[in-house]
Amino acid sequence: MNDCIAAISTPPGEGGIAIIRISGENAPEVVDRIFEARSGKRIKELKTHSLNLGYIKDEKGYLVDEVLVSRMDGPRSYTGENVVEINCHGGGIATRRCLELVMMAGARLAEPGEFTKRAFLNGRLDMVQAEAVIDLIRARSEKALALSARNLEGALSKALKDVEDELIIINSRLEGSIDFPEEVGEPDWAEIEEHLRVVEARLKRLVAGSKRVRVYRDGVKVVIAGKPNVGKSSLLNVLTQKEKAIVTEIPGTTRDLIEDLIYIKGIPVRIMDTAGIRRTQDVIEKIGVERTREALMEAEIVVFMVDASTGISDDDLDIMQQIEGKRKLIVINKEDIENRVLNVDEVRTRFPGVAIVEISALEETGIEDMEEALEKLIIGQKEPEETGQEIMTNIRQEQAINAALNHVQDAIAGVGNRLPIDGIAVDTWGAVSWIEELTGKAIKADVMERIFADFCIGK
């Protein structure tokens, strides 16, 4: 890990500047071979964590670019090593040429995620914080950005350390009884169970909270369904603030799936308008209806629209049957009309237990109520003490937390049944091993390689 690595850390394409990052013990010496500071100083003579104007020159001494260079000595750098960053002019040719000269001077091209990997190996970040970096880069909403930043700051790491500390207390009690049975005797089972219950509650909160907030990162697929001419396309246009779908008074206008990415209460939502479901002899409309049925099967949430001007029809009942078991919100559209034949009480009687809102897609009223109902449907009801304290996990982390939780619950059962102490200790140490896998204290090499391979080059 002593070799010097380099990569372009900014996105490809034209821009004001591009940044080339170089990390390694001899990073200053490598850059010295191609950089000429206007002050005449060498890299090591420049003030650390400052920008310095100068020139990148090729092997023949010809000017390639005017740049700003910063030196950040380890361990006060991103990787924990000596780091030099070259701020050159953005653009494919200039940036690539500067990188080529850096490599000719003695650096090699960094592998995907290698800068963050070095930060982890040098103790600058634990594995949870390292994974938060990629979540921060890929955040698709402000809430996802905030949750990723909390993990980078150490929110999940601290929660896991609290769990690990409790487990270590438990293991010390158990090991004392195993190693010195005559002197120590049996452990205080009530105390052991109390500590295990604390760990169980903390792990359960992590799992439940993460499931609620994961949608801020991953998003959710929402399908608008209903019979023809109920107002689905009008609603899509209101939500996207675009004329995405053609709206006419002719039933069956929408023949295909129309979708867009929107944000509802900070949640990325892949919203989809569908062909109205009804019995039809029109060949093209039949294809659209079939595609709607397929979309409903894949939908995570269904916005089921009914028409206040027509009431509940057989087509509505047929649709409700198709989305049985799905998370759904019933939207009564056209609530602004004078001669409506459908009210909330009738809908609630026909479809008990389903959330209902009234809107007018034409007048754009009730949309805020609908969005609030969708948010509640997507993330569930938050406990008051959890507001602002949510912690987001990825799939790997959630699986490890669940594995640790299973070990803890097995240990609780073992305590209740007074199983042999060494058997209970196997489960408590098993929980510790999963926590250490999470934070990187004892992570397997192949798992670590898979994590960092998912990063972009330059990070």
Protein backbone atom coordinates (compact mmCIF):
# COMPACT_ATOMS: atom_id res chain seq x y z
CA MET A 1 0.00 0.00 0.00
CA ASN A 2 3.08 2.23 -0.13
CA ASP A 3 2.83 2.84 -3.87
CA CYS A 4 1.49 6.14 -5.20
CA ILE A 5 -1.94 6.14 -6.85
CA ALA A 6 -3.64 8.79 -8.99
CA ALA A 7 -7.00 9.36 -10.66
CA ILE A 8 -9.31 12.06 -11.95
CA SER A 9 -11.76 12.71 -9.12
CA THR A 10 -14.23 14.91 -11.00
CA PRO A 11 -16.85 13.76 -13.54
CA PRO A 12 -15.84 13.45 -17.21
CA GLY A 13 -16.70 16.20 -19.69
CA GLU A 14 -16.04 19.90 -20.03
CA GLY A 15 -16.05 22.04 -16.91
CA GLY A 16 -14.36 24.94 -15.18
CA ILE A 17 -11.89 22.71 -13.36
CA ALA A 18 -10.98 19.06 -13.00
CA ILE A 19 -9.22 17.58 -9.98
CA ILE A 20 -6.51 14.94 -10.16
CA ARG A 21 -5.92 13.28 -6.80
CA ILE A 22 -2.57 11.66 -5.94
CA SER A 23 -2.10 9.65 -2.73
CA GLY A 24 0.90 7.85 -1.30
CA GLU A 25 4.01 8.40 0.79
CA ASN A 26 5.91 9.90 -2.15
CA ALA A 27 2.99 11.86 -3.67
CA PRO A 28 4.77 15.24 -3.19
CA GLU A 29 7.92 13.96 -4.91
CA VAL A 30 5.88 12.58 -7.84
CA VAL A 31 4.13 15.92 -8.44
CA ASP A 32 7.39 17.83 -8.01
CA ARG A 33 8.65 16.19 -11.22
CA ILE A 34 5.95 17.87 -13.34
CA PHE A 35 4.89 20.95 -11.33
CA GLU A 36 6.60 24.30 -11.26
CA ALA A 37 5.22 26.61 -8.56
CA ARG A 38 5.12 30.30 -9.47
CA SER A 39 6.73 30.96 -6.08
CA GLY A 40 9.65 28.73 -7.07
CA LYS A 41 9.09 26.46 -4.06
CA ARG A 42 9.02 22.67 -4.13
CA ILE A 43 5.86 20.84 -3.04
CA LYS A 44 7.26 20.01 0.40
CA GLU A 45 8.04 23.69 0.97
CA LEU A 46 4.46 24.77 0.28
CA LYS A 47 2.10 25.31 3.19
CA THR A 48 -0.04 22.23 3.78
CA HIS A 49 -3.78 22.51 3.03
CA SER A 50 -3.30 25.58 0.86
CA LEU A 51 -3.75 26.26 -2.88
CA ASN A 52 -0.65 27.24 -4.84
CA LEU A 53 -0.52 28.60 -8.38
CA GLY A 54 1.89 27.07 -10.85
CA TYR A 55 2.36 25.16 -14.10
CA ILE A 56 2.29 21.56 -15.24
CA LYS A 57 5.07 20.92 -17.74
CA ASP A 58 5.81 17.88 -19.87
CA GLU A 59 9.05 15.92 -20.14
CA LYS A 60 10.45 18.47 -22.60
CA GLY A 61 9.60 21.40 -20.38
CA TYR A 62 6.67 22.61 -22.47
CA LEU A 63 3.70 24.17 -20.69
CA VAL A 64 0.64 21.88 -20.50
CA ASP A 65 -1.64 23.82 -18.13
CA GLU A 66 -1.78 26.50 -15.48
CA VAL A 67 -3.00 24.85 -12.28
CA LEU A 68 -3.59 25.17 -8.55
CA VAL A 69 -1.95 22.52 -6.39
CA SER A 70 -2.69 21.63 -2.77
CA ARG A 71 -0.67 19.39 -0.45
CA MET A 72 -2.31 17.57 2.46
CA ASP A 73 0.09 15.64 4.66
CA GLY A 74 -1.05 12.42 6.29
CA PRO A 75 -2.74 11.62 8.54
CA ARG A 76 -4.70 14.88 8.01
CA SER A 77 -5.93 13.89 4.57
CA TYR A 78 -8.79 11.90 3.04
CA THR A 79 -6.74 8.69 2.75
CA GLY A 80 -4.62 9.23 5.86
CA GLU A 81 -1.57 9.32 3.56
CA ASN A 82 0.24 12.18 1.89
CA VAL A 83 -2.17 13.58 -0.70
CA VAL A 84 -1.61 16.10 -3.47
CA GLU A 85 -4.46 17.43 -5.61
CA ILE A 86 -4.01 19.19 -8.93
CA ASN A 87 -6.79 21.58 -9.94
CA CYS A 88 -6.39 21.85 -13.71
CA HIS A 89 -8.71 23.24 -16.38
CA GLY A 90 -11.67 20.97 -17.10
CA GLY A 91 -11.87 19.26 -20.46
CA GLY A 92 -10.92 15.86 -21.76
CA ILE A 93 -7.55 16.63 -23.36
CA ALA A 94 -6.06 18.89 -20.66
CA THR A 95 -7.16 16.67 -17.79
CA ARG A 96 -6.08 13.44 -19.44
CA ARG A 97 -2.68 14.91 -20.35
CA CYS A 98 -2.06 16.04 -16.77
CA LEU A 99 -2.99 12.57 -15.49
CA GLU A 100 -0.67 10.92 -18.02
CA LEU A 101 2.22 13.10 -16.81
CA VAL A 102 1.47 12.21 -13.17
CA MET A 103 1.69 8.52 -14.05
CA MET A 104 4.87 9.03 -16.07
CA ALA A 105 6.29 10.72 -12.95
CA GLY A 106 5.81 7.56 -10.89
CA ALA A 107 2.16 7.08 -9.90
CA ARG A 108 -0.16 4.34 -11.08
CA LEU A 109 -3.86 4.59 -11.95
CA ALA A 110 -6.04 4.02 -8.88
CA GLU A 111 -8.52 1.16 -8.81
CA PRO A 112 -12.24 1.84 -8.18
CA GLY A 113 -12.70 3.01 -4.60
CA GLU A 114 -9.01 2.72 -3.79
CA PHE A 115 -8.73 6.15 -2.15
CA THR A 116 -11.60 5.32 0.24
CA LYS A 117 -10.19 1.82 0.75
CA ARG A 118 -6.91 3.36 1.89
CA ALA A 119 -8.84 5.67 4.21
CA PHE A 120 -10.41 2.56 5.76
CA LEU A 121 -7.15 0.61 5.99
CA ASN A 122 -5.41 3.62 7.54
CA GLY A 123 -8.12 3.99 10.19
CA ARG A 124 -9.53 7.28 8.87
CA LEU A 125 -12.95 5.69 8.34
CA ASP A 126 -14.59 2.49 9.49
CA MET A 127 -16.42 0.34 6.94
CA VAL A 128 -19.81 1.86 7.73
CA GLN A 129 -18.45 5.36 7.11
CA ALA A 130 -16.74 4.18 3.91
CA GLU A 131 -20.04 2.85 2.59
CA ALA A 132 -21.68 6.15 3.54
CA VAL A 133 -19.36 7.87 1.06
CA ILE A 134 -20.87 6.05 -1.92
CA ASP A 135 -24.39 6.65 -0.55
CA LEU A 136 -23.57 10.35 -0.26
CA ILE A 137 -22.39 10.47 -3.89
CA ARG A 138 -25.44 8.60 -5.17
CA ALA A 139 -28.05 10.38 -3.04
CA ARG A 140 -31.14 11.17 -5.11
CA SER A 141 -32.92 13.31 -2.53
CA GLU A 142 -32.03 15.82 0.19
CA LYS A 143 -33.21 13.37 2.85
CA ALA A 144 -30.96 10.60 1.47
CA LEU A 145 -28.09 13.09 1.44
CA ALA A 146 -28.74 14.01 5.08
CA LEU A 147 -28.99 10.35 6.17
CA SER A 148 -25.78 9.44 4.34
CA ALA A 149 -24.00 12.41 5.91
CA ARG A 150 -25.10 11.24 9.37
CA ASN A 151 -23.53 7.83 8.73
CA LEU A 152 -20.35 9.45 7.41
CA GLU A 153 -20.29 11.46 10.64
CA GLY A 154 -20.61 8.19 12.59
CA ALA A 155 -24.29 7.81 13.56
CA LEU A 156 -24.57 4.12 12.62
CA SER A 157 -21.03 3.39 13.83
CA LYS A 158 -21.89 4.79 17.28
CA ALA A 159 -25.12 2.77 17.45
CA LEU A 160 -23.19 -0.39 16.59
CA LYS A 161 -20.47 0.42 19.15
CA ASP A 162 -23.14 0.74 21.86
CA VAL A 163 -24.40 -2.73 20.91
CA GLU A 164 -20.88 -4.15 20.87
CA ASP A 165 -20.12 -2.69 24.31
CA GLU A 166 -23.21 -4.37 25.75
CA LEU A 167 -22.27 -7.69 24.18
CA ILE A 168 -18.73 -7.47 25.57
CA ILE A 169 -20.16 -6.98 29.07
CA ILE A 170 -22.29 -10.10 28.56
CA ASN A 171 -19.37 -12.13 27.22
CA SER A 172 -17.11 -11.12 30.12
CA ARG A 173 -19.73 -12.48 32.56
CA LEU A 174 -20.13 -15.71 30.62
CA GLU A 175 -16.40 -16.29 30.14
CA GLY A 176 -15.75 -15.76 33.84
CA SER A 177 -18.15 -18.59 34.62
CA ILE A 178 -16.68 -20.80 31.87
CA ASP A 179 -13.01 -20.24 32.80
CA PHE A 180 -13.40 -20.17 36.58
CA PRO A 181 -16.50 -22.23 37.37
CA GLU A 182 -15.55 -22.93 41.00
CA GLU A 183 -14.53 -19.39 41.90
CA VAL A 184 -17.17 -17.48 39.91
CA GLY A 185 -20.00 -19.99 39.72
CA GLU A 186 -23.01 -19.49 37.46
CA PRO A 187 -23.56 -16.03 35.99
CA ASP A 188 -26.33 -13.78 37.21
CA TRP A 189 -28.94 -14.93 34.68
CA ALA A 190 -31.26 -11.98 35.37
CA GLU A 191 -28.43 -9.54 34.63
CA ILE A 192 -27.42 -11.44 31.47
CA GLU A 193 -30.99 -11.42 30.18
CA GLU A 194 -31.37 -7.72 30.99
CA HIS A 195 -28.29 -6.85 28.90
CA LEU A 196 -29.45 -9.14 26.08
CA ARG A 197 -32.87 -7.46 26.03
CA VAL A 198 -31.18 -4.06 25.73
CA VAL A 199 -29.15 -5.30 22.75
CA GLU A 200 -32.23 -6.89 21.17
CA ALA A 201 -34.20 -3.62 21.47
CA ARG A 202 -31.38 -1.58 19.92
CA LEU A 203 -30.96 -3.95 16.98
CA LYS A 204 -34.71 -4.07 16.38
CA ARG A 205 -34.86 -0.25 16.33
CA LEU A 206 -32.05 -0.17 13.78
CA VAL A 207 -33.84 -2.65 11.51
CA ALA A 208 -37.26 -0.99 11.80
CA GLY A 209 -35.93 2.54 11.37
CA SER A 210 -33.81 1.60 8.39
CA LYS A 211 -36.73 -0.05 6.59
CA ARG A 212 -38.69 3.18 6.92
CA VAL A 213 -35.99 5.49 5.60
CA ARG A 214 -34.44 3.23 2.95
CA VAL A 215 -36.94 4.61 0.43
CA TYR A 216 -35.15 7.97 0.57
CA ARG A 217 -32.18 6.26 -1.08
CA ASP A 218 -33.82 3.55 -3.18
CA GLY A 219 -37.08 5.30 -4.06
CA VAL A 220 -40.42 3.58 -4.57
CA LYS A 221 -42.52 2.57 -7.58
CA VAL A 222 -46.05 3.98 -7.52
CA VAL A 223 -48.65 3.08 -10.15
CA ILE A 224 -51.78 5.17 -10.78
CA ALA A 225 -54.61 2.80 -11.68
CA GLY A 226 -58.29 3.18 -12.41
CA LYS A 227 -60.93 2.77 -15.06
CA PRO A 228 -60.78 4.95 -18.23
CA ASN A 229 -61.43 8.71 -18.01
CA VAL A 230 -61.14 8.83 -14.23
CA GLY A 231 -58.36 11.45 -14.31
CA LYS A 232 -55.15 9.39 -14.03
CA SER A 233 -53.31 11.31 -16.74
CA SER A 234 -54.41 14.64 -15.30
CA LEU A 235 -53.01 13.61 -11.92
CA LEU A 236 -49.70 12.56 -13.49
CA ASN A 237 -49.43 15.96 -15.20
CA VAL A 238 -50.14 17.75 -11.92
CA LEU A 239 -47.53 15.72 -10.01
CA THR A 240 -44.81 16.07 -12.64
CA GLN A 241 -45.74 19.67 -13.53
CA LYS A 242 -45.39 18.63 -17.18
CA GLU A 243 -47.74 17.70 -19.97
CA LYS A 244 -46.49 14.12 -19.81
CA ALA A 245 -49.79 12.49 -20.75
CA ILE A 246 -52.45 13.43 -23.30
CA VAL A 247 -55.70 14.39 -21.59
CA THR A 248 -59.03 14.24 -23.43
CA GLU A 249 -62.64 13.46 -22.59
CA ILE A 250 -62.43 10.33 -24.74
CA PRO A 251 -62.20 7.19 -22.56
CA GLY A 252 -59.13 5.05 -23.24
CA THR A 253 -56.87 7.90 -24.44
CA THR A 254 -53.85 6.45 -22.60
CA ARG A 255 -52.80 3.25 -24.36
CA ASP A 256 -49.30 2.76 -22.93
CA LEU A 257 -47.36 3.20 -19.69
CA ILE A 258 -46.11 6.74 -19.03
CA GLU A 259 -43.69 7.30 -16.16
CA ASP A 260 -41.47 9.93 -14.60
CA LEU A 261 -39.33 10.48 -11.51
CA ILE A 262 -40.79 12.91 -8.99
CA TYR A 263 -40.15 13.71 -5.32
CA ILE A 264 -42.92 13.45 -2.76
CA LYS A 265 -41.95 14.75 0.68
CA GLY A 266 -38.31 14.18 -0.25
CA ILE A 267 -38.91 10.57 -1.37
CA PRO A 268 -37.84 9.64 -4.94
CA VAL A 269 -40.98 8.21 -6.56
CA ARG A 270 -41.10 6.50 -9.92
CA ILE A 271 -44.69 7.45 -10.79
CA MET A 272 -46.49 5.63 -13.59
CA ASP A 273 -49.70 6.45 -15.44
CA THR A 274 -51.44 3.44 -16.94
CA ALA A 275 -54.11 2.59 -19.44
CA GLY A 276 -57.60 2.51 -17.94
CA ILE A 277 -58.68 -1.03 -17.06
CA ARG A 278 -61.94 -2.07 -18.64
CA ARG A 279 -63.35 -4.74 -20.92
CA THR A 280 -62.67 -3.67 -24.50
CA GLN A 281 -62.59 -5.08 -28.04
CA ASP A 282 -59.99 -2.55 -29.22
CA VAL A 283 -56.82 -4.51 -29.98
CA ILE A 284 -54.42 -1.68 -29.07
CA GLU A 285 -56.33 -0.82 -25.90
CA LYS A 286 -56.26 -4.50 -24.91
CA ILE A 287 -52.45 -4.43 -25.09
CA GLY A 288 -52.41 -1.31 -22.91
CA VAL A 289 -54.70 -2.94 -20.35
CA GLU A 290 -52.46 -6.01 -20.23
CA ARG A 291 -49.41 -3.83 -19.63
CA THR A 292 -51.31 -2.10 -16.85
CA ARG A 293 -51.97 -5.44 -15.18
CA GLU A 294 -48.25 -6.28 -15.38
CA ALA A 295 -47.34 -2.88 -13.91
CA LEU A 296 -49.75 -3.44 -11.02
CA MET A 297 -48.04 -6.73 -10.20
CA GLU A 298 -44.65 -4.94 -9.96
CA ALA A 299 -45.95 -1.85 -8.14
CA GLU A 300 -44.91 -1.25 -4.54
CA ILE A 301 -47.81 1.14 -4.00
CA VAL A 302 -50.99 1.66 -6.02
CA VAL A 303 -52.87 4.95 -6.23
CA PHE A 304 -56.36 3.69 -7.08
CA MET A 305 -58.47 6.48 -8.58
CA VAL A 306 -62.25 6.47 -8.54
CA ASP A 307 -64.59 9.01 -10.13
CA ALA A 308 -66.92 11.08 -7.95
CA SER A 309 -69.13 11.77 -10.99
CA THR A 310 -69.83 8.12 -11.87
CA GLY A 311 -69.61 6.21 -8.58
CA ILE A 312 -68.24 2.71 -8.08
CA SER A 313 -68.63 0.50 -11.15
CA ASP A 314 -67.92 -3.15 -11.92
CA ASP A 315 -64.62 -2.02 -13.47
CA ASP A 316 -63.63 -0.42 -10.14
CA LEU A 317 -64.45 -3.60 -8.24
CA ASP A 318 -62.44 -5.63 -10.75
CA ILE A 319 -59.40 -3.36 -10.26
CA MET A 320 -59.73 -3.53 -6.47
CA GLN A 321 -59.66 -7.31 -6.72
CA GLN A 322 -56.48 -7.20 -8.82
CA ILE A 323 -54.61 -5.04 -6.27
CA GLU A 324 -55.67 -7.12 -3.27
CA GLY A 325 -52.70 -7.36 -0.89
CA LYS A 326 -50.95 -4.29 -2.30
CA ARG A 327 -50.26 -1.15 -0.29
CA LYS A 328 -52.74 1.30 -1.75
CA LEU A 329 -54.31 4.71 -1.48
CA ILE A 330 -57.81 5.41 -2.82
CA VAL A 331 -58.08 8.81 -4.48
CA ILE A 332 -61.56 10.17 -5.18
CA ASN A 333 -61.13 12.52 -8.13
CA LYS A 334 -63.43 15.30 -9.36
CA GLU A 335 -64.47 16.29 -5.83
CA ASP A 336 -65.12 19.81 -7.19
CA ILE A 337 -68.13 18.86 -9.35
CA GLU A 338 -71.62 19.86 -8.20
CA ASN A 339 -73.57 16.70 -9.04
CA ARG A 340 -71.26 14.10 -7.52
CA VAL A 341 -72.70 10.65 -6.88
CA LEU A 342 -69.88 9.25 -4.74
CA ASN A 343 -68.81 10.25 -1.23
CA VAL A 344 -66.11 9.19 1.19
CA ASP A 345 -68.46 7.19 3.41
CA GLU A 346 -69.57 4.97 0.54
CA VAL A 347 -65.98 4.32 -0.51
CA ARG A 348 -64.98 3.56 3.07
CA THR A 349 -67.88 1.10 3.38
CA ARG A 350 -66.98 -0.69 0.16
CA PHE A 351 -63.23 -0.73 0.82
CA PRO A 352 -62.72 -0.76 4.60
CA GLY A 353 -59.27 -0.20 6.07
CA VAL A 354 -57.85 1.65 3.05
CA ALA A 355 -56.65 5.26 3.27
CA ILE A 356 -58.82 7.67 1.24
CA VAL A 357 -58.26 11.23 0.03
CA GLU A 358 -60.34 13.53 -2.14
CA ILE A 359 -58.79 15.63 -4.90
CA SER A 360 -59.57 17.58 -8.03
CA ALA A 361 -56.83 16.99 -10.59
CA LEU A 362 -58.43 19.69 -12.75
CA GLU A 363 -58.42 22.34 -9.99
CA GLU A 364 -55.24 20.93 -8.41
CA THR A 365 -56.84 20.76 -4.97
CA GLY A 366 -56.23 18.05 -2.36
CA ILE A 367 -52.79 17.25 -3.81
CA GLU A 368 -50.98 18.13 -0.57
CA ASP A 369 -53.31 15.80 1.38
CA MET A 370 -52.62 13.04 -1.14
CA GLU A 371 -48.85 13.49 -0.84
CA GLU A 372 -49.04 13.35 2.96
CA ALA A 373 -51.10 10.16 2.76
CA LEU A 374 -48.57 8.65 0.35
CA GLU A 375 -45.67 9.56 2.62
CA LYS A 376 -47.38 7.85 5.56
CA LEU A 377 -48.10 4.81 3.39
CA ILE A 378 -44.49 4.61 2.17
CA ILE A 379 -42.55 5.08 5.41
CA GLY A 380 -45.17 4.24 8.03
CA GLN A 381 -45.87 6.07 11.26
CA LYS A 382 -42.73 7.45 12.92
CA GLU A 383 -42.35 7.25 16.67
CA PRO A 384 -41.96 10.76 18.18
CA GLU A 385 -38.57 9.94 19.74
CA GLU A 386 -37.21 8.75 16.38
CA THR A 387 -37.94 11.97 14.51
CA GLY A 388 -34.65 13.31 13.20
CA GLN A 389 -32.78 10.26 14.54
CA GLU A 390 -33.30 7.86 11.64
CA ILE A 391 -30.32 5.78 10.57
CA MET A 392 -30.10 4.39 7.04
CA THR A 393 -28.50 1.04 6.25
CA ASN A 394 -27.79 -0.73 3.00
CA ILE A 395 -28.69 -4.36 2.24
CA ARG A 396 -25.34 -5.75 3.45
CA GLN A 397 -25.60 -3.86 6.73
CA GLU A 398 -29.22 -4.83 7.29
CA GLN A 399 -28.45 -8.51 6.69
CA ALA A 400 -25.58 -8.38 9.18
CA ILE A 401 -27.73 -6.60 11.78
CA ASN A 402 -30.46 -9.24 11.34
CA ALA A 403 -27.86 -12.02 11.71
CA ALA A 404 -26.61 -10.42 14.96
CA LEU A 405 -30.21 -10.06 16.14
CA ASN A 406 -30.88 -13.76 15.47
CA HIS A 407 -27.84 -14.70 17.59
CA VAL A 408 -29.02 -12.42 20.41
CA GLN A 409 -32.54 -13.90 20.34
CA ASP A 410 -31.09 -17.43 20.39
CA ALA A 411 -28.99 -16.41 23.40
CA ILE A 412 -32.10 -15.04 25.15
CA ALA A 413 -33.86 -18.36 24.53
CA GLY A 414 -30.79 -20.17 25.83
CA VAL A 415 -30.81 -18.13 29.04
CA GLY A 416 -34.52 -18.79 29.51
CA ASN A 417 -34.03 -22.55 29.09
CA ARG A 418 -30.81 -22.53 31.15
CA LEU A 419 -28.80 -24.13 28.36
CA PRO A 420 -25.05 -24.76 28.87
CA ILE A 421 -23.12 -21.52 29.33
CA ASP A 422 -20.67 -22.22 26.51
CA GLY A 423 -23.59 -22.68 24.08
CA ILE A 424 -25.01 -19.29 25.02
CA ALA A 425 -21.55 -17.76 24.64
CA VAL A 426 -21.34 -19.11 21.10
CA ASP A 427 -24.39 -17.01 20.22
CA THR A 428 -23.21 -13.86 22.00
CA TRP A 429 -19.81 -14.04 20.31
CA GLY A 430 -21.59 -14.78 17.03
CA ALA A 431 -23.45 -11.48 17.44
CA VAL A 432 -20.15 -9.68 18.13
CA SER A 433 -18.59 -11.18 14.99
CA TRP A 434 -21.42 -9.78 12.84
CA ILE A 435 -21.02 -6.32 14.39
CA GLU A 436 -17.27 -6.48 13.68
CA GLU A 437 -18.02 -7.54 10.11
CA LEU A 438 -20.24 -4.47 9.81
CA THR A 439 -17.72 -1.96 11.12
CA GLY A 440 -14.77 -3.63 9.38
CA LYS A 441 -12.90 -4.78 12.49
CA ALA A 442 -13.02 -8.35 11.22
CA ILE A 443 -14.31 -8.06 7.67
CA LYS A 444 -13.54 -10.76 5.15
CA ALA A 445 -11.20 -9.75 2.33
CA ASP A 446 -13.62 -10.76 -0.44
CA VAL A 447 -16.45 -8.74 1.17
CA MET A 448 -14.19 -5.69 1.42
CA GLU A 449 -13.15 -6.02 -2.23
CA ARG A 450 -16.80 -6.23 -3.35
CA ILE A 451 -17.70 -3.10 -1.41
CA PHE A 452 -14.93 -0.93 -2.84
CA ALA A 453 -15.35 -2.32 -6.36
CA ASP A 454 -18.75 -0.59 -6.36
CA PHE A 455 -17.08 2.83 -6.04
CA CYS A 456 -16.07 5.03 -8.93
CA ILE A 457 -12.42 5.53 -9.86
CA GLY A 458 -11.15 8.65 -8.10
CA LYS A 459 -13.05 8.13 -4.84
